């Protein structure tokens, strides 16, 4: 089964990556000659994704050449990115969610396992890495049947968010409406789009799809980028 839509969130300022992001948006930083966002696009293309929507903001014009390079890719401008958290990027692409199954992905990831996005699960899910001990990052709590009961920060011996989530058609459409309803509520300026998911877990049914530790990398600062380049440079 092919994935119909993908939303890549690429609007952020990338402040933690300064000075590298002074003139280049974080998703366009390169690892071994390939930009971070294009590792994700390559995985999506291998999976047969029909439409890819890149939600840009900071230095957004630099993403426009991707429209010519990749068939079926369109860049959407997020006009709220400087004042509102990443709920604004999904809000910008909310109509995409209403048209079919959809992957939502951070665009500043290095996707090493390009087959990770193939073989879609039957149910909606977040992709996650199991982390032993305490984690202060975004995590998932599960019930006895494996359904997600909480999406939030902090947890022990649990799956951690890796920046990928898949929603089947009915859940994608529902999420689009939930985002629309939440945008404009008091305090929404500080929300992550995952906060909206957490508030609607009584209606959105999601599981965790486990990934291996080296399937995908999140790069938060120049030191981590340098370390990743060094690690990959030592591989065959």
Protein backbone atom coordinates (compact mmCIF):
# COMPACT_ATOMS: atom_id res chain seq x y z
CA UNK A 1 0.00 0.00 0.00
CA UNK A 2 1.32 3.43 -0.96
CA UNK A 3 1.21 6.41 1.34
CA UNK A 4 -0.94 9.15 -0.14
CA UNK A 5 0.44 12.28 1.57
CA UNK A 6 3.41 13.40 3.62
CA UNK A 7 3.82 16.67 5.52
CA UNK A 8 7.42 17.68 6.25
CA UNK A 9 7.76 20.40 8.87
CA UNK A 10 10.62 22.68 7.85
CA UNK A 11 9.60 26.10 9.20
CA UNK A 12 11.73 26.38 12.35
CA UNK A 13 14.47 28.91 13.03
CA UNK A 14 17.02 26.25 13.99
CA UNK A 15 18.50 28.42 16.74
CA UNK A 16 20.29 25.55 18.46
CA UNK A 17 22.24 24.93 15.24
CA UNK A 18 23.72 28.44 15.05
CA UNK A 19 25.98 29.57 13.48
CA UNK A 20 25.30 26.93 10.80
CA UNK A 21 21.73 28.16 10.35
CA UNK A 22 22.52 31.85 9.95
CA UNK A 23 22.06 31.56 6.20
CA UNK A 24 20.77 28.01 5.73
CA UNK A 25 17.61 26.47 7.20
CA UNK A 26 18.40 23.45 9.36
CA UNK A 27 16.71 20.84 7.10
CA UNK A 28 19.00 21.91 4.24
CA UNK A 29 22.21 21.31 6.18
CA UNK A 30 24.17 18.50 4.54
CA UNK A 31 25.53 15.18 5.73
CA UNK A 32 27.94 13.49 3.32
CA UNK A 33 26.74 15.78 0.51
CA UNK A 34 23.02 15.18 1.09
CA UNK A 35 20.67 17.55 2.90
CA UNK A 36 18.78 16.24 5.93
CA UNK A 37 15.38 16.80 4.33
CA UNK A 38 16.37 14.92 1.19
CA UNK A 39 17.17 11.79 3.19
CA UNK A 40 13.51 11.84 4.25
CA UNK A 41 12.25 12.67 0.76
CA UNK A 42 14.27 9.77 -0.63
CA UNK A 43 12.64 7.42 1.87
CA UNK A 44 9.21 8.73 0.95
CA UNK A 45 9.89 8.31 -2.77
CA UNK A 46 11.07 4.75 -2.25
CA UNK A 47 7.80 4.08 -0.42
CA UNK A 48 5.82 5.42 -3.39
CA UNK A 49 4.41 8.47 -1.60
CA UNK A 50 2.26 10.35 -4.07
CA UNK A 51 2.30 13.87 -2.63
CA UNK A 52 4.87 15.55 -0.39
CA UNK A 53 4.20 18.93 1.23
CA UNK A 54 7.13 20.84 2.71
CA UNK A 55 5.92 23.47 5.19
CA UNK A 56 8.53 26.22 5.16
CA UNK A 57 9.03 29.41 7.16
CA UNK A 58 12.55 30.57 8.03
CA UNK A 59 14.45 31.23 4.78
CA UNK A 60 11.59 29.46 3.07
CA UNK A 61 12.58 30.44 -0.46
CA UNK A 62 15.54 28.06 -0.21
CA UNK A 63 13.15 25.09 -0.30
CA UNK A 64 11.53 26.09 -3.60
CA UNK A 65 14.08 24.28 -5.82
CA UNK A 66 12.80 21.01 -4.32
CA UNK A 67 9.55 21.53 -6.27
CA UNK A 68 11.46 21.25 -9.55
CA UNK A 69 13.66 18.42 -8.38
CA UNK A 70 10.93 16.11 -7.06
CA UNK A 71 7.69 15.30 -8.82
CA UNK A 72 4.65 15.63 -6.57
CA UNK A 73 6.39 17.92 -4.06
CA UNK A 74 4.91 21.28 -3.10
CA UNK A 75 6.23 23.91 -0.69
CA UNK A 76 3.67 25.56 1.62
CA UNK A 77 4.50 28.80 3.43
CA UNK A 78 3.76 28.95 7.16
CA UNK A 79 3.12 32.65 7.90
CA UNK A 80 2.93 32.06 11.66
CA UNK A 81 6.28 30.32 12.27
CA UNK A 82 8.00 33.20 14.10
CA UNK A 83 5.27 33.64 16.74
CA UNK A 84 3.52 30.27 17.04
CA UNK A 85 4.95 26.82 17.83
CA UNK A 86 4.87 23.92 15.38
CA UNK A 87 1.10 23.50 15.67
CA UNK A 88 1.17 26.30 13.07
CA UNK A 89 2.93 24.10 10.51
CA UNK A 90 0.34 21.34 10.73
CA UNK A 91 -2.38 24.00 10.72
CA UNK A 92 -0.91 25.37 7.49
CA UNK A 93 -1.23 21.89 5.96
CA UNK A 94 -4.53 20.96 7.63
CA UNK A 95 -6.40 20.56 4.34
CA UNK A 96 -3.83 17.96 3.28
CA UNK A 97 -4.76 15.87 6.32
CA UNK A 98 -8.38 15.84 5.22
CA UNK A 99 -7.60 14.20 1.87
CA UNK A 100 -6.20 10.81 2.91
CA UNK A 101 -3.62 8.86 4.87
CA UNK A 102 -0.63 10.94 5.82
CA UNK A 103 2.82 10.88 7.37
CA UNK A 104 3.82 13.89 9.47
CA UNK A 105 7.56 14.25 9.79
CA UNK A 106 10.14 16.68 11.08
CA UNK A 107 12.27 17.74 8.12
CA UNK A 108 15.54 18.05 10.05
CA UNK A 109 16.10 14.32 10.57
CA UNK A 110 18.76 12.14 9.02
CA UNK A 111 16.98 9.03 7.77
CA UNK A 112 19.61 6.32 7.53
CA UNK A 113 17.22 3.43 6.96
CA UNK A 114 15.50 4.53 3.76
CA UNK A 115 13.13 1.54 3.85
CA UNK A 116 11.69 2.64 7.20
CA UNK A 117 8.71 4.33 5.56
CA UNK A 118 7.72 1.33 3.43
CA UNK A 119 5.29 -1.39 4.51
CA UNK A 120 2.78 0.84 6.25
CA UNK A 121 1.07 -0.44 9.38
CA UNK A 122 -2.68 -1.02 9.42
CA UNK A 123 -3.25 1.37 12.31
CA UNK A 124 -2.16 4.95 12.93
CA UNK A 125 1.09 5.17 14.86
CA UNK A 126 4.02 7.17 16.10
CA UNK A 127 7.45 5.76 15.33
CA UNK A 128 9.51 5.42 18.50
CA UNK A 129 12.82 4.27 20.00
CA UNK A 130 12.81 2.34 23.26
CA UNK A 131 14.96 4.14 25.86
CA UNK A 132 15.89 2.45 29.14
CA UNK A 133 15.72 4.53 32.30
CA UNK A 134 14.43 8.07 32.57
CA UNK A 135 13.97 10.32 29.55
CA UNK A 136 13.03 14.00 29.61
CA UNK A 137 12.17 14.00 25.92
CA UNK A 138 8.79 13.40 24.31
CA UNK A 139 7.63 9.88 25.16
CA UNK A 140 4.63 7.59 24.82
CA UNK A 141 2.76 5.79 27.57
CA UNK A 142 0.85 2.67 26.52
CA UNK A 143 -1.99 0.60 27.91
CA UNK A 144 -1.93 -3.18 28.19
CA UNK A 145 -2.98 -3.59 24.57
CA UNK A 146 -0.29 -1.28 23.22
CA UNK A 147 -2.48 1.75 22.52
CA UNK A 148 -0.97 5.14 23.31
CA UNK A 149 -2.53 6.74 26.38
CA UNK A 150 -0.23 9.76 26.70
CA UNK A 151 1.98 11.79 24.39
CA UNK A 152 4.11 14.14 26.46
CA UNK A 153 7.48 14.98 27.94
CA UNK A 154 9.17 12.75 30.49
CA UNK A 155 8.91 9.07 31.30
CA UNK A 156 10.75 5.93 32.37
CA UNK A 157 11.61 2.87 30.28
CA UNK A 158 9.41 3.90 27.38
CA UNK A 159 9.39 4.67 23.69
CA UNK A 160 10.74 8.09 22.73
CA UNK A 161 9.46 10.16 19.85
CA UNK A 162 11.69 10.21 16.74
CA UNK A 163 9.81 12.80 14.68
CA UNK A 164 7.64 10.50 12.53
CA UNK A 165 3.92 9.78 12.82
CA UNK A 166 1.54 8.01 10.44
CA UNK A 167 -2.22 8.56 10.35
CA UNK A 168 -4.55 6.37 8.34
CA UNK A 169 -7.23 8.13 6.34
CA UNK A 170 -9.94 8.42 9.01
CA UNK A 171 -7.51 9.51 11.73
CA UNK A 172 -5.77 11.98 9.41
CA UNK A 173 -9.08 13.63 8.60
CA UNK A 174 -10.04 13.77 12.29
CA UNK A 175 -6.64 15.25 13.19
CA UNK A 176 -7.10 17.94 10.57
CA UNK A 177 -10.33 19.01 12.23
CA UNK A 178 -8.79 18.79 15.72
CA UNK A 179 -5.90 21.05 14.67
CA UNK A 180 -8.38 23.49 13.15
CA UNK A 181 -10.42 23.56 16.36
CA UNK A 182 -7.36 24.01 18.58
CA UNK A 183 -5.74 26.78 16.55
CA UNK A 184 -6.82 30.03 18.12
CA UNK A 185 -7.62 28.60 21.56
CA UNK A 186 -6.00 30.46 24.47
CA UNK A 187 -2.37 29.40 24.78
CA UNK A 188 -2.17 27.66 21.41
CA UNK A 189 0.84 29.80 20.50
CA UNK A 190 3.02 27.57 22.72
CA UNK A 191 1.58 24.22 21.65
CA UNK A 192 3.25 21.48 19.70
CA UNK A 193 0.94 19.69 17.29
CA UNK A 194 1.52 16.57 19.40
CA UNK A 195 -0.26 18.34 22.28
CA UNK A 196 -3.40 18.28 20.13
CA UNK A 197 -2.97 14.56 19.56
CA UNK A 198 -2.58 14.00 23.31
CA UNK A 199 -5.78 15.95 24.00
CA UNK A 200 -7.72 13.77 21.57
CA UNK A 201 -6.51 10.25 22.35
CA UNK A 202 -10.08 9.31 23.19
CA UNK A 203 -10.81 9.75 19.48
CA UNK A 204 -7.43 9.10 17.85
CA UNK A 205 -6.25 5.50 18.25
CA UNK A 206 -2.49 5.11 17.87
CA UNK A 207 0.17 2.54 18.59
CA UNK A 208 3.97 2.77 18.53
CA UNK A 209 5.97 1.40 15.61
CA UNK A 210 9.42 0.56 17.02
CA UNK A 211 12.57 1.67 15.18
CA UNK A 212 16.18 0.69 15.74
CA UNK A 213 18.60 3.13 17.34
CA UNK A 214 20.47 3.76 14.09
CA UNK A 215 17.47 3.92 11.73
CA UNK A 216 17.02 7.65 12.17
CA UNK A 217 18.95 10.47 13.82
CA UNK A 218 17.79 13.77 15.24
CA UNK A 219 20.49 16.45 15.15
CA UNK A 220 20.05 19.27 17.68
CA UNK A 221 23.36 21.15 17.64
CA UNK A 222 26.54 21.53 15.57
CA UNK A 223 28.40 19.03 17.77
CA UNK A 224 25.81 16.32 17.10
CA UNK A 225 25.96 17.04 13.38
CA UNK A 226 29.73 16.71 13.39
CA UNK A 227 29.50 13.49 15.39
CA UNK A 228 26.96 12.03 12.93
CA UNK A 229 29.13 12.91 9.94
CA UNK A 230 32.09 11.27 11.69
CA UNK A 231 30.07 8.14 12.50
CA UNK A 232 28.77 7.72 8.98
CA UNK A 233 32.17 8.46 7.50
CA UNK A 234 33.54 5.39 9.23
CA UNK A 235 30.93 3.07 7.72
CA UNK A 236 31.20 1.16 4.48
